[in-house]
Amino acid sequence: MKTAKTLWMLDVPYEEIRGSMLVPLYAEDEQEAWIEAHRWALRCDRMLPTNAKLVHFAQGFTVNRRVLPGSLEARASERDDE
């Protein structure tokens, strides 16, 4: 019987962006998640740093959308329609 794949987030710190990149991966266990992490690094032509971490979200997670302060500028085509 095949086990279900669950969500793993790869936390990849990068100095050039002064932060981290989060990469969602789906794997059955931590070993497979690391294999997927290395595949991602090869596809993106990046080196996987030694301080990269995997975080397991067995139940997934919820993202709450928030409204940021500010306003959107209308595109030129939208302004012409008015």
C-alpha atoms as a PDB file:
ATOM      1  CA  MET A   1       0.000   0.000   0.000  1.00  0.00           C
ATOM      2  CA  LYS A   2       1.312   3.405  -0.953  1.00  0.00           C
ATOM      3  CA  THR A   3       1.526   6.041   1.788  1.00  0.00           C
ATOM      4  CA  ALA A   4       0.273   9.572   1.259  1.00  0.00           C
ATOM      5  CA  LYS A   5       2.701  12.372   0.561  1.00  0.00           C
ATOM      6  CA  THR A   6       2.613  15.307   2.944  1.00  0.00           C
ATOM      7  CA  LEU A   7       3.805  18.889   2.738  1.00  0.00           C
ATOM      8  CA  TRP A   8       7.389  19.779   3.564  1.00  0.00           C
ATOM      9  CA  MET A   9       8.738  23.322   3.324  1.00  0.00           C
ATOM     10  CA  LEU A  10      12.357  23.720   2.346  1.00  0.00           C
ATOM     11  CA  ASP A  11      13.850  26.810   3.999  1.00  0.00           C
ATOM     12  CA  VAL A  12      16.797  27.909   1.867  1.00  0.00           C
ATOM     13  CA  PRO A  13      18.778  30.882   3.229  1.00  0.00           C
ATOM     14  CA  TYR A  14      20.439  33.029   0.559  1.00  0.00           C
ATOM     15  CA  GLU A  15      22.795  35.905   1.264  1.00  0.00           C
ATOM     16  CA  GLU A  16      22.170  37.617  -2.075  1.00  0.00           C
ATOM     17  CA  ILE A  17      18.478  38.121  -1.239  1.00  0.00           C
ATOM     18  CA  ARG A  18      19.226  38.742   2.456  1.00  0.00           C
ATOM     19  CA  GLY A  19      16.658  36.244   3.586  1.00  0.00           C
ATOM     20  CA  SER A  20      15.256  32.824   2.894  1.00  0.00           C
ATOM     21  CA  MET A  21      13.332  31.199   0.116  1.00  0.00           C
ATOM     22  CA  LEU A  22      10.531  28.786   1.037  1.00  0.00           C
ATOM     23  CA  VAL A  23       9.988  25.921  -1.388  1.00  0.00           C
ATOM     24  CA  PRO A  24       6.980  23.606  -0.992  1.00  0.00           C
ATOM     25  CA  LEU A  25       7.746  19.916  -1.506  1.00  0.00           C
ATOM     26  CA  TYR A  26       5.600  16.815  -1.192  1.00  0.00           C
ATOM     27  CA  ALA A  27       7.137  13.594   0.100  1.00  0.00           C
ATOM     28  CA  GLU A  28       6.297  10.465   2.082  1.00  0.00           C
ATOM     29  CA  ASP A  29       9.103  10.938   4.620  1.00  0.00           C
ATOM     30  CA  GLU A  30      12.088  13.127   5.431  1.00  0.00           C
ATOM     31  CA  GLN A  31      14.488  11.101   3.291  1.00  0.00           C
ATOM     32  CA  GLU A  32      12.304  11.534   0.207  1.00  0.00           C
ATOM     33  CA  ALA A  33      11.868  15.234   1.063  1.00  0.00           C
ATOM     34  CA  TRP A  34      15.652  15.724   0.977  1.00  0.00           C
ATOM     35  CA  ILE A  35      15.800  13.923  -2.360  1.00  0.00           C
ATOM     36  CA  GLU A  36      13.115  16.289  -3.693  1.00  0.00           C
ATOM     37  CA  ALA A  37      15.035  19.243  -2.246  1.00  0.00           C
ATOM     38  CA  HIS A  38      18.167  18.241  -4.151  1.00  0.00           C
ATOM     39  CA  ARG A  39      16.111  17.748  -7.328  1.00  0.00           C
ATOM     40  CA  TRP A  40      14.691  21.257  -6.897  1.00  0.00           C
ATOM     41  CA  ALA A  41      18.218  22.660  -6.508  1.00  0.00           C
ATOM     42  CA  LEU A  42      19.342  20.903  -9.703  1.00  0.00           C
ATOM     43  CA  ARG A  43      16.302  22.131 -11.673  1.00  0.00           C
ATOM     44  CA  CYS A  44      16.909  25.707 -10.503  1.00  0.00           C
ATOM     45  CA  ASP A  45      20.670  25.490 -11.092  1.00  0.00           C
ATOM     46  CA  ARG A  46      21.380  26.340  -7.450  1.00  0.00           C
ATOM     47  CA  MET A  47      23.583  24.895  -4.767  1.00  0.00           C
ATOM     48  CA  LEU A  48      21.651  23.666  -1.739  1.00  0.00           C
ATOM     49  CA  PRO A  49      23.372  25.309   1.247  1.00  0.00           C
ATOM     50  CA  THR A  50      24.365  23.139   4.204  1.00  0.00           C
ATOM     51  CA  ASN A  51      22.165  25.268   6.486  1.00  0.00           C
ATOM     52  CA  ALA A  52      18.970  24.578   4.499  1.00  0.00           C
ATOM     53  CA  LYS A  53      16.193  23.145   6.674  1.00  0.00           C
ATOM     54  CA  LEU A  54      13.102  21.034   6.091  1.00  0.00           C
ATOM     55  CA  VAL A  55       9.943  21.743   8.071  1.00  0.00           C
ATOM     56  CA  HIS A  56       7.189  19.128   8.043  1.00  0.00           C
ATOM     57  CA  PHE A  57       3.542  20.217   7.845  1.00  0.00           C
ATOM     58  CA  ALA A  58       1.733  16.893   8.193  1.00  0.00           C
ATOM     59  CA  GLN A  59      -1.682  18.578   8.380  1.00  0.00           C
ATOM     60  CA  GLY A  60      -0.853  21.301   5.849  1.00  0.00           C
ATOM     61  CA  PHE A  61      -1.295  24.945   6.839  1.00  0.00           C
ATOM     62  CA  THR A  62      -3.624  27.859   6.250  1.00  0.00           C
ATOM     63  CA  VAL A  63      -2.615  31.193   4.735  1.00  0.00           C
ATOM     64  CA  ASN A  64      -4.786  34.116   5.793  1.00  0.00           C
ATOM     65  CA  ARG A  65      -4.943  36.822   3.155  1.00  0.00           C
ATOM     66  CA  ARG A  66      -4.513  40.329   4.504  1.00  0.00           C
ATOM     67  CA  VAL A  67      -5.046  43.684   2.844  1.00  0.00           C
ATOM     68  CA  LEU A  68      -1.900  45.771   2.750  1.00  0.00           C
ATOM     69  CA  PRO A  69      -2.023  49.555   3.115  1.00  0.00           C
ATOM     70  CA  GLY A  70      -1.776  51.519  -0.084  1.00  0.00           C
ATOM     71  CA  SER A  71      -3.567  51.491  -3.387  1.00  0.00           C
ATOM     72  CA  LEU A  72      -3.196  49.861  -6.770  1.00  0.00           C
ATOM     73  CA  GLU A  73      -2.425  51.985  -9.777  1.00  0.00           C
ATOM     74  CA  ALA A  74      -4.747  51.368 -12.696  1.00  0.00           C
ATOM     75  CA  ARG A  75      -3.199  50.070 -15.890  1.00  0.00           C
ATOM     76  CA  ALA A  76      -3.268  52.354 -18.913  1.00  0.00           C
ATOM     77  CA  SER A  77      -5.982  50.274 -20.605  1.00  0.00           C
ATOM     78  CA  GLU A  78      -8.218  50.556 -17.529  1.00  0.00           C
ATOM     79  CA  ARG A  79      -7.735  54.351 -17.378  1.00  0.00           C
ATOM     80  CA  ASP A  80      -8.673  54.707 -21.052  1.00  0.00           C
ATOM     81  CA  ASP A  81     -11.976  52.894 -20.428  1.00  0.00           C
ATOM     82  CA  GLU A  82     -13.142  55.485 -17.902  1.00  0.00           C
END
